[in-house]
Protein backbone atom coordinates (compact mmCIF):
# COMPACT_ATOMS: atom_id res chain seq x y z
CA MET A 1 104.46 101.71 79.96
CA ASP A 2 103.61 100.65 76.49
CA ASP A 3 105.27 103.07 73.86
CA LYS A 4 102.09 103.26 71.93
CA ILE A 5 100.22 104.58 75.09
CA ILE A 6 103.15 107.26 75.68
CA ARG A 7 102.82 108.26 72.07
CA GLU A 8 99.00 108.82 72.79
CA LEU A 9 99.54 110.70 76.01
CA LYS A 10 102.22 112.98 74.18
CA ALA A 11 99.63 113.60 71.58
CA ALA A 12 97.23 114.52 74.38
CA VAL A 13 99.02 117.09 76.32
CA GLY A 14 102.08 118.00 74.38
CA ALA A 15 105.54 115.74 73.94
CA GLU A 16 107.21 117.98 76.62
CA TRP A 17 104.69 117.60 79.18
CA VAL A 18 105.13 113.68 79.34
CA LEU A 19 108.18 112.65 81.46
CA THR A 20 109.39 108.92 81.29
CA GLU A 21 113.25 109.37 82.23
CA LYS A 22 114.11 107.10 85.32
CA GLU A 23 115.37 110.39 87.11
CA ASP A 24 111.97 112.18 86.69
CA LEU A 25 110.05 109.03 87.77
CA ILE A 26 111.96 108.79 90.86
CA CYS A 27 111.04 112.23 91.91
CA TYR A 28 107.48 111.48 91.81
CA GLY A 29 107.69 108.00 93.26
CA TYR A 30 107.04 109.39 96.86
CA ASP A 31 105.46 112.26 98.84
CA ALA A 32 106.05 113.53 102.32
CA THR A 33 105.15 110.31 103.98
CA PRO A 34 108.04 108.08 105.03
CA GLY A 35 108.22 104.41 104.01
CA PHE A 36 106.16 104.65 100.72
CA PHE A 37 107.84 104.64 97.43
CA ASN A 38 107.13 103.19 94.02
CA LEU A 39 108.05 104.25 90.45
CA PRO A 40 105.18 105.25 88.07
CA GLY A 41 105.42 104.68 84.27
CA ALA A 42 104.83 108.43 83.32
CA ILE A 43 104.49 111.90 84.73
CA VAL A 44 101.70 113.66 82.58
CA GLN A 45 101.13 117.45 83.24
CA PRO A 46 97.87 118.48 81.49
CA ALA A 47 97.29 122.43 81.11
CA ASN A 48 93.45 122.59 81.32
CA LYS A 49 90.42 120.13 81.80
CA GLU A 50 90.17 118.96 78.18
CA GLU A 51 93.70 117.69 78.35
CA VAL A 52 92.78 116.00 81.80
CA ALA A 53 89.73 114.41 80.06
CA LYS A 54 91.73 113.09 77.32
CA VAL A 55 94.40 111.60 79.48
CA LEU A 56 91.63 109.84 81.75
CA ALA A 57 89.84 108.53 78.76
CA ILE A 58 93.13 106.68 77.76
CA ALA A 59 93.71 105.42 81.18
CA ASN A 60 90.45 104.27 81.47
CA ARG A 61 90.30 102.37 78.25
CA GLU A 62 93.60 100.59 79.15
CA LYS A 63 92.69 100.20 82.89
CA ILE A 64 96.16 102.24 83.86
CA PRO A 65 96.13 103.59 87.50
CA VAL A 66 96.09 107.49 87.82
CA TYR A 67 97.36 109.50 90.76
CA THR A 68 96.71 113.19 90.82
CA ARG A 69 99.36 115.26 92.47
CA GLY A 70 99.67 118.66 93.56
CA SER A 71 102.88 119.77 95.62
CA GLY A 72 103.23 116.27 97.24
CA THR A 73 103.48 117.66 100.71
CA ASN A 74 100.80 115.36 101.78
CA LEU A 75 101.21 112.94 104.84
CA SER A 76 99.41 109.89 104.22
CA ALA A 77 100.95 108.42 101.09
CA GLY A 78 97.88 109.70 99.14
CA THR A 79 100.05 110.53 96.00
CA VAL A 80 102.42 107.66 95.96
CA PRO A 81 101.92 105.60 92.87
CA MET A 82 101.77 102.18 94.44
CA ASN A 83 100.54 100.33 91.31
CA GLY A 84 102.68 102.22 88.86
CA GLY A 85 100.63 103.97 86.10
CA ILE A 86 100.35 107.61 85.38
CA VAL A 87 101.08 110.57 87.88
CA LEU A 88 99.00 113.33 86.86
CA PHE A 89 100.84 116.27 87.96
CA THR A 90 98.66 119.48 87.98
CA ALA A 91 101.44 122.18 88.27
CA ARG A 92 100.53 123.93 84.86
CA MET A 93 96.91 124.58 86.25
CA ASN A 94 97.87 127.16 88.49
CA ARG A 95 95.70 130.32 87.62
CA ILE A 96 93.54 132.46 89.74
CA LEU A 97 90.60 132.81 87.54
CA GLU A 98 88.47 135.34 89.34
CA ILE A 99 88.08 137.13 92.53
CA ASP A 100 84.66 138.19 92.72
CA LEU A 101 84.62 140.94 95.33
CA GLU A 102 80.74 141.49 95.25
CA ASN A 103 80.09 137.84 96.51
CA PHE A 104 83.45 137.15 98.42
CA ILE A 105 84.16 134.23 96.09
CA ALA A 106 87.30 133.10 94.43
CA VAL A 107 87.63 130.74 91.30
CA VAL A 108 90.74 128.80 90.96
CA GLU A 109 92.66 126.17 89.31
CA PRO A 110 93.95 123.13 91.44
CA ALA A 111 97.54 124.05 91.62
CA VAL A 112 97.17 127.56 93.10
CA VAL A 113 99.17 127.63 96.11
CA VAL A 114 97.01 128.53 99.31
CA ALA A 115 99.52 131.29 100.41
CA ASP A 116 99.25 132.79 96.83
CA LEU A 117 95.45 133.12 97.02
CA ASN A 118 95.51 134.74 100.52
CA ALA A 119 98.39 137.22 99.05
CA ALA A 120 95.81 137.97 96.10
CA VAL A 121 92.89 138.50 98.12
CA GLU A 122 94.56 140.44 101.20
CA LYS A 123 94.73 143.56 99.38
CA TYR A 124 90.85 143.70 99.22
CA GLY A 125 90.60 142.99 102.91
CA LEU A 126 89.69 139.43 102.53
CA ILE A 127 90.95 136.00 103.74
CA TYR A 128 90.62 132.32 102.67
CA PRO A 129 90.76 130.91 106.09
CA PRO A 130 91.87 127.26 105.90
CA ASP A 131 95.80 127.39 106.48
CA PRO A 132 97.56 124.09 106.87
CA GLY A 133 101.07 124.27 108.39
CA THR A 134 102.57 123.89 104.83
CA VAL A 135 100.30 126.70 103.59
CA THR A 136 103.42 128.25 101.51
CA THR A 137 103.57 125.02 99.38
CA ALA A 138 100.10 123.14 99.64
CA THR A 139 97.81 123.64 96.62
CA MET A 140 94.22 124.17 96.59
CA GLY A 141 93.47 121.09 94.84
CA GLY A 142 95.34 119.12 97.35
CA THR A 143 93.87 120.89 100.10
CA VAL A 144 90.24 120.09 98.73
CA ALA A 145 91.27 116.50 98.08
CA GLU A 146 92.49 116.20 101.80
CA ASN A 147 89.81 118.44 103.23
CA SER A 148 92.68 120.14 105.11
CA GLY A 149 92.29 122.06 108.26
CA GLY A 150 95.06 124.40 109.72
CA LEU A 151 95.71 126.57 112.56
CA ARG A 152 92.65 128.66 112.14
CA GLY A 153 90.37 125.78 112.26
CA LEU A 154 88.73 126.18 115.42
CA LYS A 155 87.00 129.43 114.67
CA TYR A 156 86.98 129.41 110.78
CA GLY A 157 86.36 125.68 110.19
CA VAL A 158 88.13 123.55 107.48
CA THR A 159 88.42 123.43 103.84
CA LYS A 160 85.03 121.77 103.23
CA HIS A 161 83.27 124.70 105.03
CA TYR A 162 84.54 127.14 102.27
CA VAL A 163 84.24 124.96 98.88
CA THR A 164 80.79 125.94 97.05
CA GLY A 165 81.61 124.40 93.54
CA LEU A 166 83.98 122.10 91.88
CA GLU A 167 84.44 121.15 88.33
CA VAL A 168 85.63 117.44 88.10
CA VAL A 169 86.78 115.16 85.30
CA LEU A 170 85.26 111.75 86.11
CA ALA A 171 87.11 108.41 85.41
CA ASP A 172 85.99 107.97 81.87
CA GLY A 173 86.88 111.52 80.90
CA SER A 174 83.70 113.27 81.05
CA ILE A 175 83.33 116.52 82.67
CA ALA A 176 81.00 117.71 85.48
CA GLU A 177 80.26 120.75 87.41
CA PHE A 178 78.87 120.46 90.84
CA GLY A 179 77.80 123.56 93.05
CA GLY A 180 78.66 127.01 92.01
CA ARG A 181 78.75 130.57 93.36
CA SER A 182 75.68 130.08 95.87
CA PRO A 183 76.18 127.68 98.49
CA ARG A 184 72.65 126.52 98.16
CA ALA A 185 72.55 123.65 95.31
CA PRO A 186 69.86 121.28 95.36
CA GLY A 187 70.35 117.54 95.20
CA TYR A 188 73.16 115.43 96.70
CA ASP A 189 75.88 117.59 97.83
CA MET A 190 78.38 116.48 95.15
CA ALA A 191 80.89 119.18 95.84
CA MET A 192 81.28 117.73 99.28
CA LEU A 193 81.74 114.27 97.99
CA PHE A 194 84.65 114.97 96.19
CA THR A 195 86.20 117.27 99.11
CA GLY A 196 88.08 114.91 101.03
CA SER A 197 87.87 112.14 98.52
CA GLU A 198 91.79 111.97 98.14
CA GLY A 199 91.89 111.57 94.35
CA THR A 200 89.84 108.38 94.56
CA LEU A 201 86.57 109.63 92.52
CA GLY A 202 87.57 112.21 89.87
CA VAL A 203 90.34 114.98 89.23
CA ILE A 204 89.24 118.42 90.28
CA THR A 205 89.95 120.97 87.70
CA LYS A 206 88.53 124.01 89.02
CA ILE A 207 87.41 125.12 92.62
CA THR A 208 85.00 127.95 93.64
CA VAL A 209 85.67 129.06 97.31
CA ARG A 210 84.14 131.47 99.85
CA LEU A 211 86.23 134.33 101.28
CA VAL A 212 85.60 135.97 104.34
CA PRO A 213 86.51 139.69 105.51
CA ALA A 214 89.77 140.00 107.07
CA PRO A 215 89.60 140.48 110.97
CA ALA A 216 90.26 144.31 111.68
CA HIS A 217 92.23 143.40 114.97
CA ARG A 218 94.01 140.57 116.44
CA LYS A 219 95.96 139.71 119.58
CA SER A 220 98.50 136.75 120.29
CA MET A 221 99.84 135.29 123.53
CA ILE A 222 101.83 132.55 124.54
CA ALA A 223 101.56 130.62 127.86
CA ASN A 224 104.07 128.31 129.56
CA PHE A 225 102.72 125.62 131.75
CA SER A 226 104.87 123.46 134.17
CA ASP A 227 101.77 120.89 134.39
CA LEU A 228 99.77 119.46 131.47
CA GLY A 229 96.51 119.45 133.41
CA GLY A 230 96.64 123.27 133.68
CA ALA A 231 97.02 123.68 129.97
CA GLY A 232 94.17 121.25 129.53
CA LYS A 233 91.94 123.13 131.88
CA SER A 234 92.67 126.45 130.25
CA ILE A 235 91.71 125.18 126.97
CA ALA A 236 88.32 124.02 128.11
CA GLU A 237 87.81 127.16 130.20
CA ILE A 238 88.57 129.50 127.38
CA ILE A 239 85.84 127.85 125.23
CA ALA A 240 83.48 127.47 128.05
CA ASN A 241 83.78 131.32 128.41
CA LYS A 242 82.32 131.71 125.04
CA ILE A 243 85.77 132.90 123.65
CA ILE A 244 86.49 131.26 120.34
CA PRO A 245 90.21 131.91 119.50
CA ALA A 246 91.11 132.04 115.94
CA THR A 247 93.87 129.80 116.74
CA LEU A 248 94.55 127.74 120.03
CA GLU A 249 97.65 125.53 119.74
CA ILE A 250 99.42 123.46 122.11
CA MET A 251 103.10 121.99 121.99
CA ASP A 252 104.32 119.47 124.41
CA ASN A 253 107.65 119.39 126.25
CA TYR A 254 109.61 117.30 123.62
CA THR A 255 108.37 119.63 120.80
CA ILE A 256 109.27 122.80 122.84
CA ARG A 257 113.00 121.57 123.38
CA THR A 258 113.32 120.83 119.73
CA VAL A 259 111.90 123.83 118.25
CA GLU A 260 113.84 125.84 120.64
CA SER A 261 117.28 124.18 119.67
CA PHE A 262 116.28 124.51 116.06
CA ALA A 263 115.05 128.07 115.97
CA LYS A 264 116.40 129.78 119.16
CA LEU A 265 113.15 131.67 119.74
CA GLY A 266 113.53 132.07 123.43
CA LEU A 267 111.02 129.07 124.36
CA PRO A 268 110.86 127.81 128.00
CA VAL A 269 112.69 124.59 127.51
CA GLU A 270 111.38 123.11 131.01
CA ALA A 271 107.76 123.72 130.45
CA GLU A 272 105.44 120.57 130.29
CA ALA A 273 103.45 122.36 127.58
CA ILE A 274 102.91 125.78 125.81
CA ILE A 275 99.86 127.39 124.54
CA LEU A 276 99.82 129.68 121.76
CA ALA A 277 96.58 131.47 121.21
CA GLU A 278 95.14 134.33 118.95
CA VAL A 279 91.82 136.10 119.21
CA ASP A 280 90.79 138.13 116.21
CA GLY A 281 87.56 140.42 115.17
CA ASP A 282 86.63 143.73 116.00
CA TYR A 283 88.70 145.89 118.40
CA ASP A 284 86.56 146.12 121.51
CA THR A 285 85.93 142.36 121.49
CA VAL A 286 89.27 141.03 120.79
CA GLU A 287 90.67 143.58 123.68
CA GLN A 288 88.02 141.98 125.91
CA ASP A 289 88.49 138.30 124.91
CA ALA A 290 92.37 138.84 125.37
CA VAL A 291 92.20 139.86 128.80
CA LYS A 292 89.85 137.12 129.77
CA MET A 293 91.90 134.55 128.14
CA GLU A 294 95.14 135.91 129.60
CA ASN A 295 93.52 135.63 133.24
CA ILE A 296 92.27 132.02 132.45
CA LEU A 297 95.59 131.01 131.61
CA ARG A 298 97.16 132.75 134.68
CA GLU A 299 94.70 131.14 137.00
CA ASN A 300 95.48 127.65 135.85
CA GLY A 301 99.33 128.08 136.33
CA GLY A 302 100.37 129.52 133.10
CA VAL A 303 103.11 132.17 132.65
CA VAL A 304 101.63 134.55 130.02
CA ARG A 305 103.48 136.85 127.46
CA VAL A 306 101.22 138.91 125.25
CA ALA A 307 102.72 139.87 121.86
CA GLN A 308 103.25 143.74 122.02
CA SER A 309 104.14 144.01 118.30
CA MET A 310 103.61 142.38 115.03
CA GLN A 311 107.19 141.30 115.21
CA GLU A 312 106.38 139.50 118.58
CA ARG A 313 103.29 138.06 116.94
CA ASP A 314 105.20 136.56 113.99
CA GLN A 315 107.55 135.02 116.58
CA VAL A 316 104.86 133.25 118.25
CA TRP A 317 103.56 131.74 115.13
CA ALA A 318 107.08 131.21 113.82
CA ALA A 319 107.51 128.93 116.88
CA ARG A 320 104.36 126.72 115.96
CA ARG A 321 105.10 126.30 112.22
CA ALA A 322 108.72 125.41 113.10
CA ALA A 323 107.33 122.27 115.22
CA LEU A 324 107.38 119.93 112.18
CA PRO A 325 110.57 121.02 110.28
CA SER A 326 112.68 120.99 113.74
CA LEU A 327 111.35 117.62 114.79
CA ALA A 328 112.06 116.38 111.23
CA LYS A 329 115.69 117.50 111.59
CA LEU A 330 116.36 115.22 114.67
CA ARG A 331 116.12 111.71 112.66
CA PRO A 332 116.00 110.56 108.98
CA SER A 333 112.26 109.53 109.12
CA THR A 334 109.38 111.56 110.56
CA PHE A 335 105.88 110.19 110.84
CA CYS A 336 103.49 113.21 111.60
CA GLU A 337 100.15 112.00 112.58
CA ASP A 338 96.84 113.62 113.19
CA ALA A 339 94.74 111.71 115.57
CA THR A 340 91.86 113.88 116.93
CA VAL A 341 89.99 113.70 120.05
CA PRO A 342 87.32 115.79 121.75
CA ARG A 343 89.17 119.10 123.00
CA SER A 344 88.29 117.98 126.58
CA LYS A 345 90.51 115.05 126.20
CA VAL A 346 93.47 116.84 124.83
CA PRO A 347 95.48 116.47 128.09
CA ASP A 348 94.55 112.84 128.28
CA MET A 349 95.83 112.18 124.68
CA VAL A 350 99.06 114.24 125.21
CA ARG A 351 99.70 112.42 128.48
CA ILE A 352 98.98 108.89 126.87
CA VAL A 353 101.19 109.61 123.75
CA THR A 354 104.24 110.47 126.17
CA GLU A 355 103.45 107.10 127.92
CA ILE A 356 103.38 105.29 124.64
CA ALA A 357 106.69 106.78 123.64
CA ARG A 358 108.17 105.65 127.02
CA LYS A 359 106.72 102.32 126.74
CA TYR A 360 108.31 101.78 123.12
CA ASN A 361 111.45 103.78 123.90
CA LEU A 362 110.57 106.12 120.96
CA GLN A 363 110.93 109.82 120.49
CA ILE A 364 107.45 111.41 120.02
CA GLY A 365 106.87 115.21 119.99
CA THR A 366 103.04 116.19 120.24
CA PHE A 367 101.84 119.59 119.05
CA GLY A 368 98.70 120.65 117.20
CA HIS A 369 95.20 122.48 117.13
CA ALA A 370 94.21 122.18 120.90
CA GLY A 371 90.98 123.97 120.18
CA ASP A 372 89.51 121.37 118.12
CA GLY A 373 91.37 118.63 119.42
CA ASN A 374 93.26 117.88 116.26
CA LEU A 375 96.76 116.59 117.59
CA HIS A 376 99.87 115.73 115.61
CA PRO A 377 102.00 112.97 117.42
CA THR A 378 105.11 113.08 115.71
CA ILE A 379 107.39 110.12 115.80
CA VAL A 380 111.02 110.84 114.59
CA THR A 381 112.76 107.41 113.73
CA ASP A 382 114.78 105.70 111.12
CA LEU A 383 113.18 103.58 108.56
CA ARG A 384 116.48 101.65 108.06
CA ILE A 385 116.14 100.19 111.48
CA PRO A 386 113.78 97.41 111.35
CA GLU A 387 113.60 96.67 114.85
CA GLU A 388 112.90 100.35 115.89
CA MET A 389 110.15 100.39 113.10
CA GLU A 390 108.29 97.42 114.65
CA ARG A 391 108.06 99.62 117.91
CA VAL A 392 106.91 102.56 115.78
CA TYR A 393 104.01 100.72 114.32
CA LYS A 394 102.94 99.16 117.41
CA ALA A 395 102.96 102.74 118.89
CA MET A 396 100.95 104.15 115.84
CA ASP A 397 98.30 101.32 116.32
CA GLU A 398 97.96 102.45 120.13
CA ILE A 399 97.80 106.03 119.41
CA PHE A 400 95.02 105.87 116.72
CA LEU A 401 92.90 103.15 118.71
CA THR A 402 93.33 105.37 121.94
CA ALA A 403 91.94 108.44 119.76
CA LEU A 404 88.92 106.40 118.80
CA GLU A 405 88.37 105.22 122.34
CA LEU A 406 88.48 108.81 123.57
CA GLY A 407 85.68 109.49 120.93
CA GLY A 408 87.91 110.99 118.41
CA THR A 409 88.54 110.21 114.73
CA LEU A 410 91.41 108.93 112.63
CA SER A 411 92.19 112.05 110.66
CA GLY A 412 91.78 115.64 111.44
CA GLU A 413 93.25 116.72 108.12
CA HIS A 414 96.03 114.56 106.79
CA GLY A 415 93.82 112.07 105.20
CA ILE A 416 93.86 108.32 105.26
CA GLY A 417 95.90 107.51 102.17
CA LEU A 418 97.59 104.16 102.90
CA GLY A 419 99.00 105.03 106.07
CA LYS A 420 95.88 104.67 108.24
CA LEU A 421 93.95 102.40 105.85
CA LYS A 422 93.64 99.40 108.48
CA TYR A 423 91.91 101.43 111.02
CA MET A 424 89.08 102.73 108.93
CA PRO A 425 86.62 99.85 109.69
CA ASN A 426 87.24 100.52 113.41
CA GLN A 427 85.80 104.12 112.78
CA PHE A 428 83.19 103.43 109.96
CA GLY A 429 82.08 99.69 110.52
CA GLU A 430 81.76 97.26 107.45
CA VAL A 431 78.46 98.98 106.53
CA GLY A 432 79.99 102.43 106.33
CA MET A 433 82.91 100.98 104.50
CA ASP A 434 80.65 99.18 101.98
CA VAL A 435 78.68 102.46 101.20
CA MET A 436 81.93 104.20 100.38
CA ARG A 437 83.13 101.48 98.20
CA SER A 438 79.73 101.44 96.20
CA VAL A 439 80.21 105.18 95.58
CA LYS A 440 83.82 104.55 94.20
CA GLN A 441 82.50 101.61 91.98
CA ALA A 442 79.74 103.53 90.64
CA LEU A 443 82.04 106.57 89.57
CA ASP A 444 85.04 104.69 88.69
CA PRO A 445 84.24 101.08 87.76
CA ASN A 446 87.73 100.44 86.50
CA ASN A 447 89.11 101.49 89.76
CA ILE A 448 91.82 103.58 88.02
CA LEU A 449 91.74 106.61 90.30
CA ASN A 450 94.32 106.45 93.10
CA PRO A 451 93.39 102.75 93.50
CA GLY A 452 93.89 101.15 97.16
CA LYS A 453 93.80 104.46 98.76
CA LEU A 454 91.34 105.79 101.41
CA ILE A 455 88.81 102.73 101.33
CA GLY A 456 91.31 100.01 100.33
CA GLN A 457 91.09 97.60 97.41
CA VAL A 458 87.84 97.72 95.52
CA GLN A 459 87.27 95.12 92.82
CA SER A 460 86.80 96.65 89.56
CA HIS A 461 83.89 95.56 87.20
CA HIS A 462 85.19 94.18 83.93
């Protein structure tokens, strides 16, 4: 990157907050998605919206790409600087600005970690429900940009159900505020437009979210099934009985065996599937629902263990959160996908993924949020073996197109980034893609914000 521009960026944010050494650039050339790497020209770490605005004004004038980055734990190459340029690293903007206890609202900067927000509101008996698997590292800005879900998505919804207001710096450096403390804002729902926009429309500098009272009581259980059909029927029947668990997760046999060898939690390695479930709410309802749920799981062939203590409950959820890290240990490269299907189709999807793994001779573990059909078929492989990678990409094509055929979507929470770009027209059609591209062109005419991601290449108007 041109020295003159580097000097300007240093003037904008302070010399120590602009990194250009090769060692630093390498660290920001990739995220948690295997197979994508490219060196940026500079890492810039602004401290506030004014500094973000200055950086974007420079980038827009010089037509330099800008990639906003939080923790970089995302799984769709969303923060990889594919065209070089500036990685806008938000780490310094990490304050919880306000917890408004009368209105159950929190106002945060983008680099606040989700788990830290929860720790801060917990002492007032509140929770911020969206909890992605990477809850201890994921930032609020990143989860808003990806519209992340998480283990509580079935009952509590995903990020977009909690965002009421955003402060955003636009491509030319101007600053806008959308929404606010009241979820009832007139006009186009702009806060929602930026939620899930994967850094392609603006840089989020302040987030206002709704909090909810923490449930008074909760009960967890784990059920082993020797047959996938029984697990699938259980999921359908639990919800048909008007029980909406806070969490309803599934793990297939390959995942169970892997987690057990990694975490030694006493999981049944011969089970075809296990279901992990938790109901929460007031004491009486939870107790009633737990008994109903246990009966449904047993009637469908499940061997059920109800957690009797906090320690046992933590063990159940440790097993689920260990799914991705333990699969990732098996081989050098891990592709954790998130094809989503209607919940009635979960057993079909798990079965088809197992068949696809066999067909292409690959190791694929499937786990995920069974209650809302958001599954994570996770392929463990090695990017250095071209012949195997060819099979991996063919398997991915089949997994995503199968999800669409079953009435599902391409992404439950990981975003599209670059990884799933080619399937977007299959889901949205050309008209839908054109609408999204015109929004992008209107807000970012020089196409500097995370170019090439989410909706593909857009012509810039020079």
